[in-house]
Structure formats: C-alpha cells, structure tokens
Amino acid sequence: MKEPLQKVRKLQGGFEIMDNDNSSYMVKFDHAADKEKVITSGPWLIFDHCLVVSHWSLEFASSNAKV
C-alpha cells in the first residue's frame, strides 16, 4: 500500500504505515503538508479498495470503527 500512496499523491517526505486490527491502518507522515494533502485529496482507491481517510483522535478504537 505504501508505493501506490507515494506515487499517486507525489508526497514530499516519508511516512510509516502501521497495520491495526479490524482492517484499519494508521499513517505517520514526516511532513504536515503531506498529511493535509492526503486528508483533503480523496477519494482513495488502492488495489481496487476504497479507503476512508480521517484525522486520528484519542477516541478512536479500531474495534468500534464504523464506515
């Protein structure tokens, strides 16, 4: 998933993808501008799957997440 994200959005810095339970992922960006680009430039289709992208919050629990 990292390579398509890097190519499609032409990000300036690096980032890490962390696989969580319940088919969710957290992404940590090196640059705040890259994070904002990802958040605001949807929709996201990677490997023919639609991804829901949002800012992380303290209340987030992947086991309770609903789309």
Protein backbone atom coordinates (compact mmCIF):
# COMPACT_ATOMS: atom_id res chain seq x y z
CA MET A 1 0.00 0.00 0.00
CA LYS A 2 2.93 2.36 0.59
CA GLU A 3 4.13 2.50 -3.02
CA PRO A 4 0.77 3.49 -4.58
CA LEU A 5 0.29 6.17 -1.93
CA GLN A 6 3.73 7.64 -2.63
CA LYS A 7 3.29 7.63 -6.42
CA VAL A 8 -0.31 8.81 -6.73
CA ARG A 9 -0.06 11.81 -4.43
CA LYS A 10 3.60 12.74 -5.02
CA LEU A 11 4.40 13.25 -1.36
CA GLN A 12 7.48 15.25 -0.40
CA GLY A 13 8.57 13.31 2.68
CA GLY A 14 8.48 9.83 4.05
CA PHE A 15 5.78 8.10 6.05
CA GLU A 16 5.14 4.95 8.06
CA ILE A 17 2.09 2.71 7.79
CA MET A 18 1.01 0.77 10.86
CA ASP A 19 -1.45 -2.09 10.41
CA ASN A 20 -4.06 -2.14 13.19
CA ASP A 21 -6.71 -4.70 13.89
CA ASN A 22 -10.15 -4.55 12.23
CA SER A 23 -8.71 -3.69 8.77
CA SER A 24 -7.57 -0.22 9.80
CA TYR A 25 -4.24 1.50 9.35
CA MET A 26 -2.50 4.47 10.90
CA VAL A 27 -0.09 6.53 8.84
CA LYS A 28 2.56 8.79 10.35
CA PHE A 29 3.87 11.45 7.96
CA ASP A 30 7.24 13.22 8.15
CA HIS A 31 5.66 16.45 6.83
CA ALA A 32 2.40 18.04 7.95
CA ALA A 33 1.81 19.25 4.37
CA ASP A 34 1.80 15.64 3.12
CA LYS A 35 -0.74 14.67 5.79
CA GLU A 36 -3.05 17.51 4.75
CA LYS A 37 -2.67 16.58 1.08
CA VAL A 38 -3.73 13.00 1.84
CA ILE A 39 -6.66 14.09 4.04
CA THR A 40 -8.02 16.61 1.51
CA SER A 41 -7.28 14.97 -1.85
CA GLY A 42 -9.56 11.93 -1.83
CA PRO A 43 -11.26 9.76 -2.81
CA TRP A 44 -8.76 6.99 -2.23
CA LEU A 45 -8.70 3.78 -4.25
CA ILE A 46 -5.75 1.47 -3.63
CA PHE A 47 -5.73 -2.03 -5.10
CA ASP A 48 -9.41 -1.52 -6.07
CA HIS A 49 -10.40 -0.86 -2.45
CA CYS A 50 -11.93 2.40 -1.28
CA LEU A 51 -10.20 3.80 1.82
CA VAL A 52 -11.79 6.08 4.38
CA VAL A 53 -9.24 8.66 5.49
CA SER A 54 -9.56 10.92 8.53
CA HIS A 55 -7.56 12.60 11.26
CA TRP A 56 -6.76 10.37 14.23
CA SER A 57 -8.29 11.22 17.60
CA LEU A 58 -7.83 9.95 21.15
CA GLU A 59 -11.32 8.44 21.00
CA PHE A 60 -10.52 6.22 18.01
CA ALA A 61 -10.86 2.50 18.64
CA SER A 62 -10.44 0.33 15.55
CA SER A 63 -12.61 -2.41 17.07
CA ASN A 64 -15.55 0.04 17.21
CA ALA A 65 -14.92 1.89 13.94
CA LYS A 66 -17.81 2.01 11.51
CA VAL A 67 -17.86 3.27 7.95
